[in-house]
Amino acid sequence: MTARNGGGTRRWGWGSGRAENLRADAQAAQDAAAAAFYELDTAQRDLRISVETIGAVDDSPAGRKAVADFAEFGNRIDRASHDYITVVDSHELDRDDLDASAAAHARAELERARHDLERVKAELDTFARSLAPLVEKAEGQLARMAPAVERAKQALLGATNALDEARSSGLKADALAARLAALSPELTRLNEGAAQHGVQATVHRADEMVREAETIAQEARRLPERAAEIDKRIASLRTRTQALETRAQQVDPVLSELRRRFSAACWQDLQQVPERAAQSVAQAQQKLRETSTARDEQRWEDATTLLAEVRGLLNDTDEAVKAAGERLQRLNDVSFDQSSEVDRTRFAIRDAQRLAMAGRSTPDPRHAQPLDESVERVDRAVASLTGRHPDYWHLLTELDAVKETVQAVVDRIREERGGGR
């Protein structure tokens, strides 16, 4: 309001106090809006960390929805913040000529901006509380990730050290080195972290790396022991091969005596033993040389396979050579006194017959028939011993077959009675 004085005008002082009060109210409204803006910004930053944790860990529908809902909140926060900043920029509360109307208008707009910021902040707080279970779950998984990654790195270090130690003892360990080198890309992915690959994938990758690295380390530490073991087995099998070669040379004299004293049926199946034994020994010696080469080249699997092949050859040959000597011994015994072997077989049959009759007035036909046939079979085998050179080997093989049949009957009876039948 103005008044005239001598043709001029001047501003009356009574209105200035009210304008200053309105200016103060507007500045207080601006400070309150600024505080609301700061609180909303802080809440958004804090919640962003939680949501990023959920996004890195939880790929479930609930986890994806949480990330999407937070993005929508970001848009609402941006709009409220933009409106607040626009209001602040449009009012200069420090102007000397700020009148009461402008101050009141500024105060009203700032209070509206504050209310909008506080409303969005309250909604954001409610949203944050709803995410608490997802955040807790995600943080629990993150807590697993750091130790898992550290274990993987320590396991890789252990494998590297074990490999270096093996190499220092003169072992190349190329295969193990290649397996260790194959873990390098996995380590790179591990270092890229959950943000790029997700927590679950990162923990799984770390666990797989631990298993493989520990296996490599274990095999590397065992290399010197494995080399020594293969050396020992090579030496042992070489000694056994030499001994078997000497024993194989004794088969010919055995065959000579068999030919001289017994019928052809007693020794014909042994005719090829000396030749086959010599071939097997030669093969074993060749494979031992190949084993030594594989060991020198540190092809451990090949060396182990070759050693098994050598052992198989020697076992077969040893059985064949042993069979010739045992054949002569058994034929000698039965030619001097076949009654002992026959009596033992008959006793086994009678013992089985007594077992079959135990607790019964008549035997079970399933038991009696094979035992009766065994008696007849023994009688026929004994009766076949005719001529100048009886076929003692036929007698022995028949008696062995009869004893197997009798034992099968005994086992069946015991099994049936043990089962309550």
Protein backbone atom coordinates (compact mmCIF):
# COMPACT_ATOMS: atom_id res chain seq x y z
CA MET A 1 0.00 0.00 0.00
CA THR A 2 1.33 3.49 -0.96
CA ALA A 3 0.55 7.15 0.07
CA ARG A 4 0.97 10.50 -1.77
CA ASN A 5 3.20 13.23 -0.37
CA GLY A 6 3.93 16.38 -2.27
CA GLY A 7 3.15 14.84 -5.62
CA GLY A 8 5.48 11.83 -4.85
CA THR A 9 4.97 8.31 -3.49
CA ARG A 10 6.67 6.14 -0.85
CA ARG A 11 6.29 2.54 0.61
CA TRP A 12 4.69 2.45 4.01
CA GLY A 13 6.82 0.57 6.59
CA TRP A 14 3.92 -1.31 8.19
CA GLY A 15 3.96 -4.04 5.54
CA SER A 16 7.65 -4.93 5.74
CA GLY A 17 7.39 -6.99 8.95
CA ARG A 18 4.73 -9.26 7.50
CA ALA A 19 6.80 -9.89 4.36
CA GLU A 20 9.83 -10.82 6.43
CA ASN A 21 7.75 -13.33 8.40
CA LEU A 22 6.48 -14.87 5.20
CA ARG A 23 10.06 -14.97 3.85
CA ALA A 24 11.13 -16.80 7.03
CA ASP A 25 8.24 -19.24 6.70
CA ALA A 26 9.16 -19.88 3.06
CA GLN A 27 12.81 -20.47 3.99
CA ALA A 28 11.72 -22.87 6.73
CA ALA A 29 9.57 -24.69 4.17
CA GLN A 30 12.57 -24.83 1.85
CA ASP A 31 14.77 -26.28 4.61
CA ALA A 32 12.13 -28.91 5.42
CA ALA A 33 11.82 -29.84 1.75
CA ALA A 34 15.61 -30.10 1.47
CA ALA A 35 15.67 -32.44 4.47
CA ALA A 36 12.92 -34.57 2.92
CA PHE A 37 14.83 -34.63 -0.37
CA TYR A 38 18.01 -35.73 1.42
CA GLU A 39 16.21 -38.45 3.40
CA LEU A 40 14.56 -39.82 0.24
CA ASP A 41 17.86 -39.82 -1.62
CA THR A 42 19.60 -41.60 1.25
CA ALA A 43 16.83 -44.20 1.53
CA GLN A 44 16.98 -44.84 -2.21
CA ARG A 45 20.77 -45.31 -2.11
CA ASP A 46 20.56 -47.70 0.83
CA LEU A 47 17.78 -49.75 -0.74
CA ARG A 48 19.61 -49.86 -4.07
CA ILE A 49 22.39 -51.89 -2.40
CA SER A 50 19.85 -54.41 -1.10
CA VAL A 51 18.05 -54.66 -4.44
CA GLU A 52 21.34 -55.14 -6.31
CA THR A 53 22.14 -57.95 -3.87
CA ILE A 54 18.78 -59.57 -4.63
CA GLY A 55 19.33 -59.13 -8.36
CA ALA A 56 22.73 -60.78 -8.20
CA VAL A 57 21.52 -63.74 -6.16
CA ASP A 58 17.83 -64.37 -6.70
CA ASP A 59 16.61 -65.20 -10.19
CA SER A 60 13.19 -66.29 -8.94
CA PRO A 61 9.99 -64.47 -10.03
CA ALA A 62 9.91 -62.72 -6.64
CA GLY A 63 13.50 -61.57 -7.06
CA ARG A 64 12.91 -60.27 -10.58
CA LYS A 65 9.74 -58.47 -9.44
CA ALA A 66 11.65 -56.77 -6.62
CA VAL A 67 14.18 -55.40 -9.11
CA ALA A 68 11.44 -54.23 -11.48
CA ASP A 69 9.42 -52.60 -8.67
CA PHE A 70 12.52 -50.75 -7.46
CA ALA A 71 13.11 -49.44 -10.98
CA GLU A 72 9.54 -48.10 -10.99
CA PHE A 73 10.18 -46.47 -7.63
CA GLY A 74 13.22 -44.85 -9.19
CA ASN A 75 10.99 -43.21 -11.78
CA ARG A 76 8.62 -41.88 -9.10
CA ILE A 77 11.55 -40.61 -7.02
CA ASP A 78 12.99 -38.89 -10.06
CA ARG A 79 9.69 -37.11 -10.73
CA ALA A 80 9.31 -35.98 -7.10
CA SER A 81 12.94 -34.84 -7.00
CA HIS A 82 12.60 -33.01 -10.29
CA ASP A 83 9.50 -31.18 -9.04
CA TYR A 84 11.32 -30.22 -5.84
CA ILE A 85 14.35 -28.89 -7.67
CA THR A 86 12.12 -26.95 -10.08
CA VAL A 87 10.32 -25.27 -7.17
CA VAL A 88 13.59 -24.35 -5.46
CA ASP A 89 15.03 -22.92 -8.68
CA SER A 90 11.89 -20.86 -9.38
CA HIS A 91 11.94 -18.97 -6.06
CA GLU A 92 14.77 -16.72 -4.89
CA LEU A 93 13.93 -16.30 -1.24
CA ASP A 94 16.99 -14.10 -0.61
CA ARG A 95 15.85 -11.32 -2.99
CA ASP A 96 15.56 -7.92 -1.34
CA ASP A 97 12.37 -7.12 -3.21
CA LEU A 98 10.61 -10.39 -2.32
CA ASP A 99 7.07 -9.39 -1.50
CA ALA A 100 4.58 -11.11 0.74
CA SER A 101 2.67 -12.70 -2.13
CA ALA A 102 5.78 -14.28 -3.66
CA ALA A 103 6.94 -15.55 -0.26
CA ALA A 104 3.55 -17.10 0.46
CA HIS A 105 3.44 -18.70 -2.99
CA ALA A 106 6.95 -20.07 -2.55
CA ARG A 107 6.07 -21.49 0.85
CA ALA A 108 2.97 -23.23 -0.53
CA GLU A 109 4.88 -24.83 -3.42
CA LEU A 110 7.78 -25.91 -1.20
CA GLU A 111 5.42 -27.51 1.30
CA ARG A 112 3.69 -29.36 -1.54
CA ALA A 113 7.07 -30.58 -2.82
CA ARG A 114 8.00 -31.70 0.71
CA HIS A 115 4.75 -33.61 1.09
CA ASP A 116 5.36 -35.36 -2.24
CA LEU A 117 8.90 -36.30 -1.20
CA GLU A 118 7.72 -37.57 2.19
CA ARG A 119 4.90 -39.57 0.59
CA VAL A 120 7.28 -41.29 -1.82
CA LYS A 121 9.73 -41.88 1.06
CA ALA A 122 6.97 -43.55 3.14
CA GLU A 123 6.01 -45.77 0.21
CA LEU A 124 9.67 -46.61 -0.35
CA ASP A 125 10.05 -47.55 3.33
CA THR A 126 7.04 -49.87 3.08
CA PHE A 127 8.52 -51.44 -0.05
CA ALA A 128 11.86 -51.88 1.71
CA ARG A 129 10.19 -53.70 4.63
CA SER A 130 8.46 -56.05 2.19
CA LEU A 131 11.85 -56.98 0.73
CA ALA A 132 13.33 -58.00 4.09
CA PRO A 133 12.93 -61.79 3.54
CA LEU A 134 14.47 -61.59 0.06
CA VAL A 135 17.32 -59.44 1.34
CA GLU A 136 18.03 -61.83 4.21
CA LYS A 137 18.11 -64.80 1.85
CA ALA A 138 20.32 -62.99 -0.65
CA GLU A 139 22.76 -61.83 2.02
CA GLY A 140 22.97 -65.39 3.34
CA GLN A 141 23.95 -66.62 -0.10
CA LEU A 142 26.45 -63.80 -0.49
CA ALA A 143 27.94 -64.81 2.85
CA ARG A 144 28.58 -68.24 1.33
CA MET A 145 30.21 -66.81 -1.75
CA ALA A 146 33.24 -65.06 -0.26
CA PRO A 147 34.50 -68.12 1.67
CA ALA A 148 33.82 -70.35 -1.36
CA VAL A 149 35.87 -68.08 -3.62
CA GLU A 150 38.67 -67.92 -1.07
CA ARG A 151 38.70 -71.73 -0.74
CA ALA A 152 38.97 -72.03 -4.52
CA LYS A 153 41.92 -69.65 -4.66
CA GLN A 154 43.68 -71.43 -1.81
CA ALA A 155 43.08 -74.79 -3.48
CA LEU A 156 44.61 -73.47 -6.71
CA LEU A 157 47.62 -72.21 -4.78
CA GLY A 158 47.98 -75.60 -3.10
CA ALA A 159 47.83 -77.39 -6.44
CA THR A 160 50.43 -75.05 -7.91
CA ASN A 161 52.78 -75.62 -4.97
CA ALA A 162 52.32 -79.40 -5.11
CA LEU A 163 53.04 -79.37 -8.84
CA ASP A 164 56.18 -77.28 -8.35
CA GLU A 165 57.38 -79.68 -5.67
CA ALA A 166 56.82 -82.69 -7.94
CA ARG A 167 58.75 -81.01 -10.74
CA SER A 168 61.60 -80.20 -8.39
CA SER A 169 62.04 -83.96 -7.85
CA GLY A 170 62.53 -84.48 -11.59
CA LEU A 171 58.96 -85.37 -12.56
CA LYS A 172 57.43 -83.49 -15.49
CA ALA A 173 53.78 -83.92 -14.54
CA ASP A 174 52.69 -82.45 -17.89
CA ALA A 175 49.19 -83.90 -17.72
CA LEU A 176 48.58 -82.39 -14.30
CA ALA A 177 50.02 -79.07 -15.46
CA ALA A 178 47.58 -79.06 -18.38
CA ARG A 179 44.66 -79.75 -16.04
CA LEU A 180 45.79 -76.92 -13.76
CA ALA A 181 46.14 -74.54 -16.72
CA ALA A 182 42.57 -75.41 -17.77
CA LEU A 183 41.36 -73.85 -14.52
CA SER A 184 42.73 -70.44 -15.46
CA PRO A 185 39.61 -69.32 -17.39
CA GLU A 186 37.48 -70.48 -14.47
CA LEU A 187 39.56 -68.34 -12.13
CA THR A 188 38.97 -65.36 -14.42
CA ARG A 189 35.21 -65.92 -14.25
CA LEU A 190 35.47 -66.34 -10.51
CA ASN A 191 37.21 -62.99 -10.19
CA GLU A 192 34.50 -61.33 -12.31
CA GLY A 193 32.21 -62.11 -9.41
CA ALA A 194 28.53 -62.48 -8.74
CA ALA A 195 27.61 -59.20 -10.41
CA GLN A 196 28.32 -60.77 -13.80
CA HIS A 197 27.68 -64.46 -13.21
CA GLY A 198 25.34 -64.61 -10.20
CA VAL A 199 26.05 -65.89 -6.71
CA GLN A 200 24.83 -69.44 -7.19
CA ALA A 201 26.84 -69.92 -10.38
CA THR A 202 29.88 -68.38 -8.70
CA VAL A 203 29.62 -70.63 -5.63
CA HIS A 204 29.11 -73.69 -7.85
CA ARG A 205 32.13 -72.72 -9.96
CA ALA A 206 34.22 -72.21 -6.82
CA ASP A 207 33.22 -75.61 -5.43
CA GLU A 208 34.08 -77.33 -8.72
CA MET A 209 37.45 -75.60 -8.79
CA VAL A 210 38.17 -76.72 -5.22
CA ARG A 211 37.44 -80.34 -6.11
CA GLU A 212 39.57 -80.32 -9.25
CA ALA A 213 42.45 -78.38 -7.68
CA GLU A 214 42.53 -80.65 -4.64
CA THR A 215 42.54 -83.71 -6.91
CA ILE A 216 45.44 -82.26 -8.90
CA ALA A 217 47.34 -81.46 -5.71
CA GLN A 218 46.75 -84.95 -4.33
CA GLU A 219 47.94 -86.60 -7.55
CA ALA A 220 50.95 -84.29 -7.73
CA ARG A 221 51.95 -85.11 -4.15
CA ARG A 222 51.59 -88.81 -4.94
CA LEU A 223 53.70 -88.70 -8.11
CA PRO A 224 57.04 -89.54 -6.42
CA GLU A 225 55.38 -92.38 -4.54
CA ARG A 226 53.69 -93.57 -7.73
CA ALA A 227 56.97 -93.51 -9.65
CA ALA A 228 58.68 -95.50 -6.89
CA GLU A 229 55.81 -97.99 -6.82
CA ILE A 230 55.98 -98.55 -10.58
CA ASP A 231 59.77 -98.99 -10.37
CA LYS A 232 59.27 -101.60 -7.67
CA ARG A 233 56.63 -103.45 -9.67
CA ILE A 234 58.79 -103.44 -12.79
CA ALA A 235 61.69 -104.94 -10.84
CA SER A 236 59.44 -107.53 -9.20
CA LEU A 237 57.84 -108.64 -12.46
CA ARG A 238 61.22 -108.75 -14.20
CA THR A 239 62.48 -111.12 -11.49
CA ARG A 240 59.33 -113.21 -11.75
CA THR A 241 59.68 -113.36 -15.54
CA GLN A 242 63.24 -114.63 -15.24
CA ALA A 243 62.20 -117.27 -12.71
CA LEU A 244 59.29 -118.38 -14.88
CA GLU A 245 61.60 -118.62 -17.90
CA THR A 246 63.80 -121.04 -15.92
CA ARG A 247 60.79 -123.08 -14.76
CA ALA A 248 59.37 -123.22 -18.28
CA GLN A 249 62.55 -124.88 -19.47
CA GLN A 250 61.80 -127.74 -17.08
CA VAL A 251 58.52 -128.61 -18.80
CA ASP A 252 60.23 -130.57 -21.59
CA PRO A 253 61.78 -133.15 -19.20
CA VAL A 254 58.39 -133.51 -17.50
CA LEU A 255 56.67 -134.12 -20.85
CA SER A 256 59.38 -136.61 -21.77
CA GLU A 257 58.66 -138.67 -18.67
CA LEU A 258 54.92 -138.44 -19.24
CA ARG A 259 55.34 -139.74 -22.78
CA ARG A 260 57.55 -142.55 -21.60
CA ARG A 261 55.38 -143.82 -18.77
CA PHE A 262 51.78 -142.92 -19.58
CA SER A 263 49.31 -143.14 -22.45
CA ALA A 264 48.92 -140.24 -24.88
CA ALA A 265 45.59 -139.28 -23.34
CA CYS A 266 47.46 -138.39 -20.17
CA TRP A 267 49.69 -135.74 -21.73
CA GLN A 268 48.49 -134.69 -25.21
CA ASP A 269 46.84 -131.47 -23.94
CA LEU A 270 50.22 -130.40 -22.49
CA GLN A 271 52.16 -130.66 -25.76
CA GLN A 272 52.08 -126.94 -26.51
CA VAL A 273 52.98 -125.76 -23.00
CA PRO A 274 56.77 -125.28 -23.59
CA GLU A 275 56.24 -123.29 -26.80
CA ARG A 276 53.43 -121.18 -25.39
CA ALA A 277 55.39 -120.56 -22.20
CA ALA A 278 58.39 -119.36 -24.18
CA GLN A 279 56.15 -117.03 -26.22
CA SER A 280 54.48 -115.66 -23.10
CA VAL A 281 57.82 -115.03 -21.42
CA ALA A 282 59.07 -113.21 -24.53
CA GLN A 283 55.90 -111.10 -24.62
CA ALA A 284 56.24 -110.30 -20.94
CA GLN A 285 59.85 -109.19 -21.45
CA GLN A 286 58.83 -106.95 -24.35
CA LYS A 287 55.99 -105.39 -22.36
CA LEU A 288 58.35 -104.77 -19.45
CA ARG A 289 60.62 -102.84 -21.78
CA GLU A 290 57.61 -100.82 -22.97
CA THR A 291 56.66 -100.25 -19.34
CA SER A 292 60.12 -98.89 -18.57
CA THR A 293 59.83 -96.51 -21.53
CA ALA A 294 56.39 -95.35 -20.40
CA ARG A 295 57.71 -94.80 -16.89
CA ASP A 296 60.69 -92.78 -18.15
CA GLU A 297 58.31 -90.66 -20.20
CA GLN A 298 56.04 -90.42 -17.14
CA ARG A 299 53.05 -91.92 -18.92
CA TRP A 300 51.75 -93.36 -15.68
CA GLU A 301 48.47 -94.74 -16.97
CA ASP A 302 50.19 -96.54 -19.83
CA ALA A 303 52.77 -97.96 -17.45
CA THR A 304 50.07 -99.22 -15.08
CA THR A 305 48.14 -100.84 -17.94
CA LEU A 306 51.26 -102.57 -19.27
CA LEU A 307 52.12 -103.90 -15.80
CA ALA A 308 48.66 -105.44 -15.57
CA GLU A 309 49.16 -107.09 -18.95
CA VAL A 310 52.52 -108.51 -17.87
CA ARG A 311 51.01 -109.89 -14.69
CA GLY A 312 48.22 -111.53 -16.68
CA LEU A 313 50.71 -113.19 -19.05
CA LEU A 314 52.82 -114.48 -16.19
CA ASN A 315 49.81 -115.78 -14.27
CA ASP A 316 48.57 -117.76 -17.28
CA THR A 317 52.01 -119.12 -18.05
CA ASP A 318 52.68 -119.98 -14.43
CA GLU A 319 49.44 -121.97 -14.29
CA ALA A 320 50.33 -123.87 -17.47
CA VAL A 321 53.86 -124.69 -16.27
CA LYS A 322 52.58 -125.67 -12.83
CA ALA A 323 49.91 -127.88 -14.45
CA ALA A 324 52.56 -130.01 -16.20
CA GLY A 325 54.45 -130.71 -12.96
CA GLU A 326 51.26 -131.37 -11.01
CA ARG A 327 50.05 -133.71 -13.77
CA LEU A 328 53.14 -135.85 -13.48
CA GLN A 329 52.91 -135.91 -9.68
CA ARG A 330 49.25 -136.92 -9.63
CA LEU A 331 49.77 -139.57 -12.31
CA ASN A 332 52.74 -140.98 -10.42
CA ASP A 333 50.65 -141.21 -7.24
CA VAL A 334 47.64 -142.86 -8.85
CA SER A 335 49.74 -145.26 -10.89
CA PHE A 336 51.32 -146.60 -7.71
CA ASP A 337 48.08 -146.66 -5.69
CA GLN A 338 44.82 -145.64 -7.28
CA SER A 339 42.84 -147.03 -4.35
CA SER A 340 43.53 -144.02 -2.10
CA GLU A 341 42.04 -141.53 -4.54
CA VAL A 342 39.10 -143.81 -5.31
CA ASP A 343 38.42 -144.45 -1.61
CA ARG A 344 38.38 -140.71 -0.85
CA THR A 345 35.83 -140.18 -3.60
CA ARG A 346 33.63 -143.06 -2.41
CA PHE A 347 33.80 -141.73 1.14
CA ALA A 348 32.61 -138.33 -0.05
CA ILE A 349 29.65 -139.99 -1.78
CA ARG A 350 28.69 -142.03 1.31
CA ASP A 351 28.98 -138.94 3.52
CA ALA A 352 26.61 -137.07 1.19
CA GLN A 353 24.20 -140.02 1.17
CA ARG A 354 24.06 -140.01 4.97
CA LEU A 355 23.34 -136.28 4.92
CA ALA A 356 20.56 -136.81 2.37
CA MET A 357 18.92 -139.45 4.59
CA ALA A 358 19.19 -137.48 7.83
CA GLY A 359 15.69 -137.13 9.29
CA ARG A 360 14.08 -138.93 6.32
CA SER A 361 12.84 -142.45 5.64
CA THR A 362 13.48 -142.05 1.90
CA PRO A 363 15.85 -139.66 0.18
CA ASP A 364 14.70 -136.79 -1.99
CA PRO A 365 15.05 -137.92 -5.65
CA ARG A 366 16.74 -134.63 -6.47
CA HIS A 367 19.54 -135.62 -4.10
CA ALA A 368 19.54 -139.40 -4.54
CA GLN A 369 19.76 -139.50 -8.33
CA PRO A 370 23.02 -137.52 -8.77
CA LEU A 371 24.59 -139.46 -5.88
CA ASP A 372 23.60 -142.85 -7.34
CA GLU A 373 24.94 -141.76 -10.73
CA SER A 374 28.19 -140.73 -9.03
CA VAL A 375 28.63 -144.24 -7.60
CA GLU A 376 28.19 -145.73 -11.05
CA ARG A 377 30.55 -143.20 -12.57
CA VAL A 378 33.32 -144.13 -10.11
CA ASP A 379 32.82 -147.83 -10.86
CA ARG A 380 33.10 -147.21 -14.59
CA ALA A 381 36.23 -145.09 -14.18
CA VAL A 382 37.96 -147.80 -12.12
CA ALA A 383 36.93 -150.47 -14.62
CA SER A 384 38.47 -148.44 -17.47
CA LEU A 385 41.98 -148.95 -16.11
CA THR A 386 43.04 -151.65 -18.58
CA GLY A 387 46.00 -152.35 -20.80
CA ARG A 388 49.72 -151.81 -20.43
CA HIS A 389 49.33 -148.04 -20.06
CA PRO A 390 45.97 -147.38 -18.39
CA ASP A 391 44.42 -143.95 -18.82
CA TYR A 392 45.04 -142.76 -15.29
CA TRP A 393 44.27 -139.20 -16.29
CA HIS A 394 40.74 -140.21 -17.27
CA LEU A 395 40.36 -141.79 -13.83
CA LEU A 396 41.56 -138.64 -12.09
CA THR A 397 39.39 -136.27 -14.12
CA GLU A 398 36.35 -138.48 -13.54
CA LEU A 399 36.98 -138.62 -9.81
CA ASP A 400 37.41 -134.82 -9.71
CA ALA A 401 34.13 -134.35 -11.60
CA VAL A 402 32.34 -136.75 -9.24
CA LYS A 403 33.60 -134.86 -6.18
CA GLU A 404 32.33 -131.59 -7.66
CA THR A 405 28.90 -133.14 -8.26
CA VAL A 406 28.78 -134.54 -4.72
CA GLN A 407 29.76 -131.21 -3.21
CA ALA A 408 27.03 -129.48 -5.21
CA VAL A 409 24.45 -131.88 -3.78
CA VAL A 410 25.73 -131.31 -0.22
CA ASP A 411 25.56 -127.53 -0.68
CA ARG A 412 21.99 -127.78 -2.02
CA ILE A 413 20.83 -129.93 0.91
CA ARG A 414 22.34 -127.53 3.45
CA GLU A 415 20.88 -124.51 1.71
CA GLU A 416 17.40 -126.04 1.60
CA ARG A 417 17.48 -127.08 5.23
CA GLY A 418 18.98 -123.77 6.31
CA GLY A 419 16.08 -122.01 4.52
CA GLY A 420 13.48 -124.12 6.35
CA ARG A 421 12.37 -126.06 3.29
